[in-house]
Amino acid sequence: VQLQASGGGLVQAGGSLRLSCAASGSILRLNVMGWYRQAPGKERELVATAAHSGVINYADSVKGRFTISRDNAMNTVYLQMNSLKPGDTAVYYCNVQDFYGGGWRDSWGQGTQVTVSS
């Protein structure tokens, strides 16, 4: 699976950005699609995930500000980020879980930079 992420950039605190990640290749079935982020000097952390079943999970730090959604027909996952804070500055990575070789496989996108200025 190849993942192409887009939508990052520089925004002032309080602003909004929308990230997109499209999956392509030999895809039989996608299960969980999600976003993670990694700030300088910190470990990668979960931001939000959306399962094919409809179950959605958010990190406490983004609840009420970020919204994850997915378009199953287009194999694309989105992250709408509102009320951005400087603490949201990080490289954002999309992640998808697809069915491959009799099991589930994790794939990662290349990362897109989000910078929030104060």
C-alpha atoms as a PDB file:
ATOM      1  CA  VAL A   1       0.000   0.000   0.000  1.00  0.00           C
ATOM      2  CA  GLN A   2       1.287   3.469  -0.869  1.00  0.00           C
ATOM      3  CA  LEU A   3       0.137   6.435   1.180  1.00  0.00           C
ATOM      4  CA  GLN A   4       0.172  10.023  -0.020  1.00  0.00           C
ATOM      5  CA  ALA A   5      -0.417  12.636   2.653  1.00  0.00           C
ATOM      6  CA  SER A   6      -1.042  16.313   2.061  1.00  0.00           C
ATOM      7  CA  GLY A   7      -2.431  19.399   3.719  1.00  0.00           C
ATOM      8  CA  GLY A   8       0.235  20.380   6.221  1.00  0.00           C
ATOM      9  CA  GLY A   9       1.609  23.878   6.531  1.00  0.00           C
ATOM     10  CA  LEU A  10       2.127  26.915   8.715  1.00  0.00           C
ATOM     11  CA  VAL A  11      -0.831  28.416  10.551  1.00  0.00           C
ATOM     12  CA  GLN A  12      -1.347  30.833  13.411  1.00  0.00           C
ATOM     13  CA  ALA A  13      -2.705  29.657  16.739  1.00  0.00           C
ATOM     14  CA  GLY A  14      -6.460  29.345  16.569  1.00  0.00           C
ATOM     15  CA  GLY A  15      -6.379  28.518  12.880  1.00  0.00           C
ATOM     16  CA  SER A  16      -7.368  25.389  11.007  1.00  0.00           C
ATOM     17  CA  LEU A  17      -5.818  22.874   8.669  1.00  0.00           C
ATOM     18  CA  ARG A  18      -7.133  19.772   6.931  1.00  0.00           C
ATOM     19  CA  LEU A  19      -4.887  16.803   6.298  1.00  0.00           C
ATOM     20  CA  SER A  20      -5.639  14.161   3.686  1.00  0.00           C
ATOM     21  CA  CYS A  21      -4.089  10.751   3.124  1.00  0.00           C
ATOM     22  CA  ALA A  22      -4.918   8.611   0.114  1.00  0.00           C
ATOM     23  CA  ALA A  23      -4.057   4.919  -0.026  1.00  0.00           C
ATOM     24  CA  SER A  24      -3.300   3.254  -3.333  1.00  0.00           C
ATOM     25  CA  GLY A  25      -1.985  -0.045  -4.636  1.00  0.00           C
ATOM     26  CA  SER A  26      -3.264  -3.579  -4.268  1.00  0.00           C
ATOM     27  CA  ILE A  27      -5.848  -3.027  -1.558  1.00  0.00           C
ATOM     28  CA  LEU A  28      -8.221  -5.810  -0.623  1.00  0.00           C
ATOM     29  CA  ARG A  29      -9.643  -4.302   2.524  1.00  0.00           C
ATOM     30  CA  LEU A  30      -8.737  -1.438   4.841  1.00  0.00           C
ATOM     31  CA  ASN A  31      -9.440  -1.710   8.539  1.00  0.00           C
ATOM     32  CA  VAL A  32      -8.133   1.057  10.779  1.00  0.00           C
ATOM     33  CA  MET A  33      -6.997   4.348   9.248  1.00  0.00           C
ATOM     34  CA  GLY A  34      -5.482   6.996  11.432  1.00  0.00           C
ATOM     35  CA  TRP A  35      -3.115   9.822  12.171  1.00  0.00           C
ATOM     36  CA  TYR A  36      -0.108   9.977  14.447  1.00  0.00           C
ATOM     37  CA  ARG A  37       2.293  12.821  15.133  1.00  0.00           C
ATOM     38  CA  GLN A  38       5.848  13.289  16.291  1.00  0.00           C
ATOM     39  CA  ALA A  39       7.188  16.515  17.706  1.00  0.00           C
ATOM     40  CA  PRO A  40      10.940  17.222  17.897  1.00  0.00           C
ATOM     41  CA  GLY A  41      12.512  15.273  20.730  1.00  0.00           C
ATOM     42  CA  LYS A  42       9.330  13.352  21.466  1.00  0.00           C
ATOM     43  CA  GLU A  43       7.996   9.919  20.623  1.00  0.00           C
ATOM     44  CA  ARG A  44       5.373   9.374  17.977  1.00  0.00           C
ATOM     45  CA  GLU A  45       1.887   9.538  19.474  1.00  0.00           C
ATOM     46  CA  LEU A  46      -1.604   8.661  18.390  1.00  0.00           C
ATOM     47  CA  VAL A  47      -3.806  11.554  17.289  1.00  0.00           C
ATOM     48  CA  ALA A  48      -6.933   9.820  15.998  1.00  0.00           C
ATOM     49  CA  THR A  49      -8.048   6.569  14.409  1.00  0.00           C
ATOM     50  CA  ALA A  50     -11.146   5.505  12.511  1.00  0.00           C
ATOM     51  CA  ALA A  51     -11.996   1.850  12.072  1.00  0.00           C
ATOM     52  CA  HIS A  52     -13.977   0.464   9.153  1.00  0.00           C
ATOM     53  CA  SER A  53     -16.646  -0.470  11.715  1.00  0.00           C
ATOM     54  CA  GLY A  54     -17.128   3.206  12.485  1.00  0.00           C
ATOM     55  CA  VAL A  55     -15.350   3.213  15.836  1.00  0.00           C
ATOM     56  CA  ILE A  56     -13.366   6.420  16.284  1.00  0.00           C
ATOM     57  CA  ASN A  57     -10.682   7.163  18.842  1.00  0.00           C
ATOM     58  CA  TYR A  58      -9.027  10.476  19.739  1.00  0.00           C
ATOM     59  CA  ALA A  59      -6.130  11.460  21.929  1.00  0.00           C
ATOM     60  CA  ASP A  60      -7.363  13.470  24.900  1.00  0.00           C
ATOM     61  CA  SER A  61      -5.274  16.434  23.791  1.00  0.00           C
ATOM     62  CA  VAL A  62      -7.218  16.854  20.538  1.00  0.00           C
ATOM     63  CA  LYS A  63     -10.755  15.920  21.574  1.00  0.00           C
ATOM     64  CA  GLY A  64     -13.220  18.619  20.624  1.00  0.00           C
ATOM     65  CA  ARG A  65     -10.760  20.271  18.232  1.00  0.00           C
ATOM     66  CA  PHE A  66      -9.859  17.593  15.662  1.00  0.00           C
ATOM     67  CA  THR A  67     -12.194  15.466  13.582  1.00  0.00           C
ATOM     68  CA  ILE A  68     -11.172  12.338  11.710  1.00  0.00           C
ATOM     69  CA  SER A  69     -13.196  11.021   8.802  1.00  0.00           C
ATOM     70  CA  ARG A  70     -12.717   8.553   6.004  1.00  0.00           C
ATOM     71  CA  ASP A  71     -13.999   7.970   2.501  1.00  0.00           C
ATOM     72  CA  ASN A  72     -13.971   4.216   2.023  1.00  0.00           C
ATOM     73  CA  ALA A  73     -14.757   4.447  -1.686  1.00  0.00           C
ATOM     74  CA  MET A  74     -11.674   6.626  -2.188  1.00  0.00           C
ATOM     75  CA  ASN A  75      -9.474   4.841   0.399  1.00  0.00           C
ATOM     76  CA  THR A  76      -8.797   8.233   1.942  1.00  0.00           C
ATOM     77  CA  VAL A  77      -8.645   9.439   5.520  1.00  0.00           C
ATOM     78  CA  TYR A  78      -8.936  13.069   6.589  1.00  0.00           C
ATOM     79  CA  LEU A  79      -8.061  15.020   9.706  1.00  0.00           C
ATOM     80  CA  GLN A  80      -9.780  18.346  10.225  1.00  0.00           C
ATOM     81  CA  MET A  81      -7.817  20.331  12.782  1.00  0.00           C
ATOM     82  CA  ASN A  82      -9.438  23.378  14.345  1.00  0.00           C
ATOM     83  CA  SER A  83      -8.374  25.708  17.159  1.00  0.00           C
ATOM     84  CA  LEU A  84      -4.779  24.745  16.578  1.00  0.00           C
ATOM     85  CA  LYS A  85      -2.244  25.375  19.322  1.00  0.00           C
ATOM     86  CA  PRO A  86       1.552  25.697  19.224  1.00  0.00           C
ATOM     87  CA  GLY A  87       1.660  22.345  21.024  1.00  0.00           C
ATOM     88  CA  ASP A  88       0.140  20.728  17.932  1.00  0.00           C
ATOM     89  CA  THR A  89       3.312  21.462  15.986  1.00  0.00           C
ATOM     90  CA  ALA A  90       4.683  18.157  14.725  1.00  0.00           C
ATOM     91  CA  VAL A  91       5.159  15.938  11.721  1.00  0.00           C
ATOM     92  CA  TYR A  92       1.864  14.165  11.116  1.00  0.00           C
ATOM     93  CA  TYR A  93       1.892  10.629   9.762  1.00  0.00           C
ATOM     94  CA  CYS A  94      -1.017   8.691   8.361  1.00  0.00           C
ATOM     95  CA  ASN A  95      -1.298   5.001   9.074  1.00  0.00           C
ATOM     96  CA  VAL A  96      -3.516   2.363   7.523  1.00  0.00           C
ATOM     97  CA  GLN A  97      -4.106  -1.279   8.299  1.00  0.00           C
ATOM     98  CA  ASP A  98      -4.890  -3.420   5.285  1.00  0.00           C
ATOM     99  CA  PHE A  99      -5.549  -7.117   4.767  1.00  0.00           C
ATOM    100  CA  TYR A 100      -2.541  -8.735   3.132  1.00  0.00           C
ATOM    101  CA  GLY A 101      -1.163 -12.251   2.987  1.00  0.00           C
ATOM    102  CA  GLY A 102      -3.787 -13.648   5.342  1.00  0.00           C
ATOM    103  CA  GLY A 103      -3.275 -11.032   8.007  1.00  0.00           C
ATOM    104  CA  TRP A 104      -3.317  -7.332   8.760  1.00  0.00           C
ATOM    105  CA  ARG A 105      -0.453  -5.093   7.715  1.00  0.00           C
ATOM    106  CA  ASP A 106       0.459  -1.589   8.909  1.00  0.00           C
ATOM    107  CA  SER A 107       1.626   1.010   6.402  1.00  0.00           C
ATOM    108  CA  TRP A 108       2.880   4.556   7.054  1.00  0.00           C
ATOM    109  CA  GLY A 109       2.810   7.707   4.979  1.00  0.00           C
ATOM    110  CA  GLN A 110       5.807   9.961   4.495  1.00  0.00           C
ATOM    111  CA  GLY A 111       4.689  12.571   7.015  1.00  0.00           C
ATOM    112  CA  THR A 112       3.512  16.121   6.585  1.00  0.00           C
ATOM    113  CA  GLN A 113       4.730  19.054   8.683  1.00  0.00           C
ATOM    114  CA  VAL A 114       2.249  21.078  10.708  1.00  0.00           C
ATOM    115  CA  THR A 115       3.598  24.230  12.342  1.00  0.00           C
ATOM    116  CA  VAL A 116       1.443  26.407  14.576  1.00  0.00           C
ATOM    117  CA  SER A 117       2.827  29.817  15.464  1.00  0.00           C
ATOM    118  CA  SER A 118       1.841  31.714  18.591  1.00  0.00           C
END
